Amino acid sequence: MLEIIASPDDVIALKIGGSIKGQELDAIMDRLDAIMASHDKVHVFVETHGIAGLELSSLPHYFGRAMPLFGKLTRFGRVAVVADQAWIRVGTQIESAMLPFISYRTYEPDERDEALTWVFTGIDPNEG
């Protein structure tokens, strides 16, 4: 299941769950490519629900599309991941440690509104 969430032009916001299919990965990459074509920085909001797996046959094609992003990592700004599964949050924290120049935050499902506000505006509603 993939749902694109309405967001500012420089944000890719999506909700994903279940078993992730190749066409969903393509839709995400298409949206990301479009944002990068018109903005210097892209911000990311991902909300996951019950991730059950990934369609393995889609990985070679996806990796081919994702590899050029390694040269564009400095173009990523705020990244918020709202996950109902602890392993997703832990994986995001590991990724954040490997990419310290990207501002990552992980959230529990009940913190979704705070995550959206932070990614969309850069304002942390829990500060000051």
N, C-alpha and C. Protein backbone atom coordinates (compact mmCIF):
# COMPACT_ATOMS: atom_id res chain seq x y z
N MET A 1 0.84 -1.17 0.00
CA MET A 1 0.00 0.00 0.00
C MET A 1 0.88 1.24 0.00
N LEU A 2 0.65 2.10 -0.94
CA LEU A 2 1.37 3.38 -1.01
C LEU A 2 0.35 4.49 -1.16
N GLU A 3 0.51 5.51 -0.34
CA GLU A 3 -0.33 6.70 -0.44
C GLU A 3 0.60 7.91 -0.43
N ILE A 4 0.48 8.74 -1.46
CA ILE A 4 1.22 10.00 -1.50
C ILE A 4 0.40 11.01 -0.71
N ILE A 5 1.03 11.69 0.23
CA ILE A 5 0.36 12.67 1.09
C ILE A 5 0.60 14.06 0.51
N ALA A 6 -0.45 14.86 0.43
CA ALA A 6 -0.31 16.24 -0.04
C ALA A 6 0.72 16.96 0.82
N SER A 7 1.63 17.70 0.15
CA SER A 7 2.72 18.33 0.88
C SER A 7 3.24 19.52 0.10
N PRO A 8 4.06 20.36 0.74
CA PRO A 8 4.72 21.45 0.01
C PRO A 8 5.54 20.89 -1.15
N ASP A 9 5.84 21.74 -2.12
CA ASP A 9 6.53 21.32 -3.35
C ASP A 9 7.90 20.71 -3.12
N ASP A 10 8.57 21.07 -2.03
CA ASP A 10 9.92 20.56 -1.78
C ASP A 10 9.94 19.36 -0.84
N VAL A 11 8.78 18.74 -0.64
CA VAL A 11 8.65 17.61 0.27
C VAL A 11 8.05 16.41 -0.46
N ILE A 12 8.65 15.25 -0.23
CA ILE A 12 8.00 14.00 -0.62
C ILE A 12 7.44 13.41 0.67
N ALA A 13 6.14 13.22 0.69
CA ALA A 13 5.47 12.70 1.88
C ALA A 13 4.64 11.49 1.47
N LEU A 14 4.85 10.40 2.18
CA LEU A 14 4.12 9.20 1.80
C LEU A 14 3.85 8.30 2.98
N LYS A 15 2.83 7.48 2.79
CA LYS A 15 2.45 6.46 3.76
C LYS A 15 2.59 5.13 3.03
N ILE A 16 3.26 4.19 3.66
CA ILE A 16 3.50 2.90 3.03
C ILE A 16 3.32 1.79 4.05
N GLY A 17 2.79 0.67 3.58
CA GLY A 17 2.58 -0.45 4.48
C GLY A 17 2.43 -1.75 3.73
N GLY A 18 2.41 -2.83 4.48
CA GLY A 18 2.27 -4.15 3.88
C GLY A 18 3.52 -4.57 3.15
N SER A 19 3.34 -5.27 2.06
CA SER A 19 4.45 -5.72 1.22
C SER A 19 4.70 -4.67 0.15
N ILE A 20 5.91 -4.17 0.08
CA ILE A 20 6.25 -3.09 -0.85
C ILE A 20 6.55 -3.69 -2.22
N LYS A 21 5.86 -3.19 -3.24
CA LYS A 21 5.96 -3.70 -4.60
C LYS A 21 6.81 -2.78 -5.48
N GLY A 22 7.27 -3.32 -6.58
CA GLY A 22 8.11 -2.57 -7.51
C GLY A 22 7.45 -1.31 -8.03
N GLN A 23 6.17 -1.36 -8.37
CA GLN A 23 5.48 -0.18 -8.89
C GLN A 23 5.39 0.92 -7.83
N GLU A 24 5.35 0.54 -6.57
CA GLU A 24 5.35 1.54 -5.50
C GLU A 24 6.72 2.21 -5.40
N LEU A 25 7.78 1.43 -5.50
CA LEU A 25 9.13 2.00 -5.48
C LEU A 25 9.32 2.95 -6.67
N ASP A 26 8.81 2.57 -7.84
CA ASP A 26 8.89 3.45 -9.01
C ASP A 26 8.15 4.75 -8.79
N ALA A 27 6.96 4.68 -8.19
CA ALA A 27 6.18 5.89 -7.92
C ALA A 27 6.93 6.82 -6.96
N ILE A 28 7.58 6.24 -5.96
CA ILE A 28 8.36 7.04 -5.01
C ILE A 28 9.53 7.70 -5.73
N MET A 29 10.25 6.94 -6.53
CA MET A 29 11.40 7.49 -7.26
C MET A 29 10.97 8.55 -8.26
N ASP A 30 9.84 8.36 -8.93
CA ASP A 30 9.33 9.37 -9.87
C ASP A 30 9.05 10.68 -9.15
N ARG A 31 8.42 10.59 -8.00
CA ARG A 31 8.10 11.80 -7.21
C ARG A 31 9.39 12.47 -6.73
N LEU A 32 10.33 11.69 -6.25
CA LEU A 32 11.60 12.22 -5.77
C LEU A 32 12.37 12.90 -6.91
N ASP A 33 12.43 12.27 -8.07
CA ASP A 33 13.11 12.86 -9.23
C ASP A 33 12.48 14.20 -9.61
N ALA A 34 11.15 14.27 -9.59
CA ALA A 34 10.45 15.52 -9.94
C ALA A 34 10.78 16.63 -8.96
N ILE A 35 10.82 16.32 -7.67
CA ILE A 35 11.13 17.34 -6.67
C ILE A 35 12.58 17.80 -6.83
N MET A 36 13.49 16.86 -7.03
CA MET A 36 14.91 17.22 -7.17
C MET A 36 15.16 18.04 -8.43
N ALA A 37 14.33 17.88 -9.43
CA ALA A 37 14.50 18.63 -10.67
C ALA A 37 14.17 20.11 -10.48
N SER A 38 13.37 20.43 -9.45
CA SER A 38 12.95 21.82 -9.29
C SER A 38 13.32 22.45 -7.94
N HIS A 39 13.99 21.71 -7.07
CA HIS A 39 14.37 22.24 -5.76
C HIS A 39 15.79 21.81 -5.39
N ASP A 40 16.51 22.71 -4.74
CA ASP A 40 17.87 22.38 -4.29
C ASP A 40 17.87 21.41 -3.12
N LYS A 41 16.88 21.53 -2.25
CA LYS A 41 16.75 20.64 -1.09
C LYS A 41 15.41 19.93 -1.17
N VAL A 42 15.42 18.68 -0.76
CA VAL A 42 14.19 17.91 -0.66
C VAL A 42 14.07 17.39 0.76
N HIS A 43 12.87 17.47 1.29
CA HIS A 43 12.58 16.99 2.63
C HIS A 43 11.67 15.77 2.50
N VAL A 44 11.76 14.86 3.45
CA VAL A 44 11.09 13.57 3.32
C VAL A 44 10.28 13.26 4.58
N PHE A 45 9.04 12.86 4.36
CA PHE A 45 8.18 12.35 5.42
C PHE A 45 7.73 10.96 5.00
N VAL A 46 8.02 9.96 5.83
CA VAL A 46 7.60 8.59 5.56
C VAL A 46 6.86 8.07 6.78
N GLU A 47 5.66 7.59 6.54
CA GLU A 47 4.87 6.96 7.61
C GLU A 47 4.68 5.50 7.21
N THR A 48 5.12 4.59 8.08
CA THR A 48 5.00 3.17 7.77
C THR A 48 3.99 2.50 8.70
N HIS A 49 3.30 1.53 8.12
CA HIS A 49 2.33 0.74 8.88
C HIS A 49 2.51 -0.73 8.52
N GLY A 50 2.95 -1.51 9.45
CA GLY A 50 3.02 -2.96 9.27
C GLY A 50 3.78 -3.40 8.04
N ILE A 51 5.00 -2.92 7.87
CA ILE A 51 5.82 -3.35 6.74
C ILE A 51 6.04 -4.86 6.86
N ALA A 52 5.64 -5.57 5.81
CA ALA A 52 5.71 -7.03 5.85
C ALA A 52 6.79 -7.58 4.93
N GLY A 53 7.33 -6.76 4.07
CA GLY A 53 8.37 -7.26 3.19
C GLY A 53 8.51 -6.40 1.95
N LEU A 54 9.41 -6.85 1.09
CA LEU A 54 9.75 -6.14 -0.13
C LEU A 54 9.79 -7.14 -1.27
N GLU A 55 9.18 -6.79 -2.38
CA GLU A 55 9.18 -7.65 -3.55
C GLU A 55 10.60 -7.75 -4.10
N LEU A 56 11.25 -8.87 -3.88
CA LEU A 56 12.67 -9.02 -4.22
C LEU A 56 12.94 -8.87 -5.71
N SER A 57 12.02 -9.24 -6.56
CA SER A 57 12.25 -9.14 -8.00
C SER A 57 12.38 -7.70 -8.47
N SER A 58 11.91 -6.75 -7.67
CA SER A 58 11.98 -5.34 -8.05
C SER A 58 13.30 -4.68 -7.64
N LEU A 59 14.09 -5.34 -6.82
CA LEU A 59 15.30 -4.71 -6.28
C LEU A 59 16.35 -4.32 -7.34
N PRO A 60 16.67 -5.16 -8.31
CA PRO A 60 17.69 -4.74 -9.29
C PRO A 60 17.30 -3.44 -10.01
N HIS A 61 16.05 -3.34 -10.43
CA HIS A 61 15.58 -2.12 -11.10
C HIS A 61 15.64 -0.92 -10.15
N TYR A 62 15.19 -1.11 -8.91
CA TYR A 62 15.19 -0.03 -7.93
C TYR A 62 16.60 0.44 -7.62
N PHE A 63 17.53 -0.49 -7.42
CA PHE A 63 18.91 -0.11 -7.14
C PHE A 63 19.50 0.70 -8.29
N GLY A 64 19.15 0.34 -9.50
CA GLY A 64 19.62 1.10 -10.66
C GLY A 64 19.13 2.54 -10.63
N ARG A 65 17.92 2.75 -10.15
CA ARG A 65 17.37 4.11 -10.04
C ARG A 65 17.89 4.84 -8.81
N ALA A 66 18.16 4.10 -7.73
CA ALA A 66 18.56 4.72 -6.47
C ALA A 66 20.05 5.06 -6.41
N MET A 67 20.88 4.34 -7.12
CA MET A 67 22.33 4.57 -7.04
C MET A 67 22.74 6.02 -7.33
N PRO A 68 22.18 6.69 -8.34
CA PRO A 68 22.57 8.09 -8.58
C PRO A 68 22.29 9.02 -7.40
N LEU A 69 21.40 8.62 -6.50
CA LEU A 69 21.09 9.46 -5.34
C LEU A 69 22.27 9.59 -4.38
N PHE A 70 23.18 8.62 -4.40
CA PHE A 70 24.35 8.72 -3.51
C PHE A 70 25.17 9.96 -3.81
N GLY A 71 25.18 10.42 -5.03
CA GLY A 71 25.89 11.64 -5.39
C GLY A 71 25.11 12.90 -5.06
N LYS A 72 23.87 12.74 -4.59
CA LYS A 72 23.00 13.88 -4.29
C LYS A 72 22.58 13.93 -2.83
N LEU A 73 23.25 13.21 -1.98
CA LEU A 73 22.83 13.12 -0.58
C LEU A 73 22.79 14.47 0.12
N THR A 74 23.66 15.40 -0.28
CA THR A 74 23.67 16.71 0.36
C THR A 74 22.42 17.52 0.02
N ARG A 75 21.63 17.06 -0.91
CA ARG A 75 20.40 17.76 -1.28
C ARG A 75 19.21 17.36 -0.41
N PHE A 76 19.42 16.41 0.50
CA PHE A 76 18.36 16.03 1.42
C PHE A 76 18.44 16.88 2.67
N GLY A 77 17.30 17.37 3.12
CA GLY A 77 17.23 18.21 4.31
C GLY A 77 16.66 17.43 5.48
N ARG A 78 15.42 17.74 5.84
CA ARG A 78 14.77 17.09 6.97
C ARG A 78 14.14 15.76 6.53
N VAL A 79 14.37 14.72 7.31
CA VAL A 79 13.79 13.41 7.06
C VAL A 79 13.11 12.94 8.35
N ALA A 80 11.81 12.73 8.27
CA ALA A 80 11.05 12.22 9.42
C ALA A 80 10.45 10.88 9.06
N VAL A 81 10.63 9.92 9.95
CA VAL A 81 10.07 8.59 9.76
C VAL A 81 9.15 8.30 10.95
N VAL A 82 7.89 8.08 10.64
CA VAL A 82 6.90 7.69 11.65
C VAL A 82 6.64 6.21 11.43
N ALA A 83 6.95 5.40 12.43
CA ALA A 83 6.84 3.95 12.25
C ALA A 83 6.19 3.28 13.44
N ASP A 84 5.33 2.33 13.13
CA ASP A 84 4.69 1.56 14.19
C ASP A 84 5.52 0.34 14.58
N GLN A 85 6.61 0.10 13.86
CA GLN A 85 7.48 -1.04 14.15
C GLN A 85 8.85 -0.52 14.61
N ALA A 86 9.31 -1.03 15.75
CA ALA A 86 10.58 -0.57 16.32
C ALA A 86 11.75 -0.80 15.37
N TRP A 87 11.76 -1.88 14.61
CA TRP A 87 12.89 -2.17 13.74
C TRP A 87 13.04 -1.11 12.64
N ILE A 88 11.95 -0.51 12.23
CA ILE A 88 12.02 0.58 11.24
C ILE A 88 12.66 1.81 11.88
N ARG A 89 12.25 2.14 13.10
CA ARG A 89 12.83 3.30 13.80
C ARG A 89 14.31 3.09 14.06
N VAL A 90 14.70 1.89 14.48
CA VAL A 90 16.11 1.59 14.74
C VAL A 90 16.91 1.67 13.44
N GLY A 91 16.38 1.11 12.36
CA GLY A 91 17.06 1.18 11.06
C GLY A 91 17.26 2.62 10.61
N THR A 92 16.27 3.46 10.85
CA THR A 92 16.38 4.88 10.50
C THR A 92 17.45 5.55 11.34
N GLN A 93 17.54 5.21 12.61
CA GLN A 93 18.56 5.81 13.47
C GLN A 93 19.96 5.38 13.04
N ILE A 94 20.11 4.16 12.58
CA ILE A 94 21.41 3.69 12.06
C ILE A 94 21.75 4.46 10.79
N GLU A 95 20.78 4.60 9.90
CA GLU A 95 21.01 5.36 8.67
C GLU A 95 21.39 6.81 9.00
N SER A 96 20.72 7.38 9.98
CA SER A 96 21.02 8.75 10.40
C SER A 96 22.46 8.87 10.88
N ALA A 97 22.94 7.89 11.62
CA ALA A 97 24.32 7.93 12.12
C ALA A 97 25.32 7.85 10.97
N MET A 98 24.95 7.15 9.90
CA MET A 98 25.85 7.02 8.76
C MET A 98 25.82 8.25 7.85
N LEU A 99 24.77 9.06 7.98
CA LEU A 99 24.61 10.26 7.15
C LEU A 99 24.36 11.47 8.06
N PRO A 100 25.35 11.88 8.85
CA PRO A 100 25.13 12.91 9.86
C PRO A 100 24.81 14.30 9.29
N PHE A 101 25.02 14.52 8.01
CA PHE A 101 24.72 15.82 7.42
C PHE A 101 23.26 15.94 6.98
N ILE A 102 22.50 14.87 7.14
CA ILE A 102 21.05 14.90 6.88
C ILE A 102 20.36 14.89 8.24
N SER A 103 19.36 15.73 8.41
CA SER A 103 18.67 15.86 9.69
C SER A 103 17.52 14.84 9.77
N TYR A 104 17.76 13.75 10.47
CA TYR A 104 16.78 12.67 10.63
C TYR A 104 16.10 12.77 11.99
N ARG A 105 14.83 12.40 12.01
CA ARG A 105 14.12 12.21 13.27
C ARG A 105 13.17 11.03 13.10
N THR A 106 13.04 10.26 14.15
CA THR A 106 12.08 9.15 14.15
C THR A 106 10.97 9.45 15.14
N TYR A 107 9.80 8.96 14.80
CA TYR A 107 8.61 9.25 15.60
C TYR A 107 7.76 7.99 15.75
N GLU A 108 7.03 7.93 16.84
CA GLU A 108 6.02 6.91 17.06
C GLU A 108 4.73 7.40 16.37
N PRO A 109 3.78 6.50 16.09
CA PRO A 109 2.56 6.90 15.39
C PRO A 109 1.78 8.04 16.06
N ASP A 110 1.78 8.12 17.38
CA ASP A 110 1.03 9.19 18.05
C ASP A 110 1.73 10.55 17.93
N GLU A 111 2.92 10.60 17.34
CA GLU A 111 3.66 11.84 17.14
C GLU A 111 3.63 12.30 15.68
N ARG A 112 2.74 11.72 14.90
CA ARG A 112 2.66 12.00 13.46
C ARG A 112 2.52 13.49 13.15
N ASP A 113 1.64 14.18 13.84
CA ASP A 113 1.42 15.60 13.56
C ASP A 113 2.69 16.43 13.78
N GLU A 114 3.43 16.11 14.84
CA GLU A 114 4.69 16.81 15.10
C GLU A 114 5.70 16.55 13.97
N ALA A 115 5.74 15.31 13.49
CA ALA A 115 6.66 14.96 12.41
C ALA A 115 6.32 15.72 11.13
N LEU A 116 5.04 15.78 10.80
CA LEU A 116 4.62 16.51 9.60
C LEU A 116 4.97 17.99 9.72
N THR A 117 4.69 18.58 10.87
CA THR A 117 5.00 20.00 11.07
C THR A 117 6.48 20.25 10.89
N TRP A 118 7.31 19.41 11.49
CA TRP A 118 8.76 19.60 11.40
C TRP A 118 9.25 19.47 9.96
N VAL A 119 8.81 18.44 9.24
CA VAL A 119 9.28 18.26 7.86
C VAL A 119 8.77 19.39 6.97
N PHE A 120 7.51 19.75 7.10
CA PHE A 120 6.92 20.76 6.22
C PHE A 120 7.48 22.15 6.48
N THR A 121 7.77 22.50 7.75
CA THR A 121 8.12 23.88 8.08
C THR A 121 9.49 24.06 8.69
N GLY A 122 10.07 23.01 9.23
CA GLY A 122 11.34 23.12 9.95
C GLY A 122 11.15 23.54 11.39
N ILE A 123 9.89 23.71 11.81
CA ILE A 123 9.56 24.12 13.17
C ILE A 123 9.25 22.89 14.00
N ASP A 124 9.91 22.76 15.16
CA ASP A 124 9.61 21.67 16.07
C ASP A 124 8.56 22.16 17.04
N PRO A 125 7.32 21.63 16.96
CA PRO A 125 6.26 22.13 17.83
C PRO A 125 6.51 21.87 19.31
N ASN A 126 7.48 21.03 19.64
CA ASN A 126 7.78 20.74 21.05
C ASN A 126 8.86 21.65 21.62
N GLU A 127 9.44 22.51 20.78
CA GLU A 127 10.46 23.46 21.27
C GLU A 127 9.81 24.82 21.51
N GLY A 128 10.21 25.44 22.60
CA GLY A 128 9.83 26.80 22.94
C GLY A 128 8.42 27.08 22.77
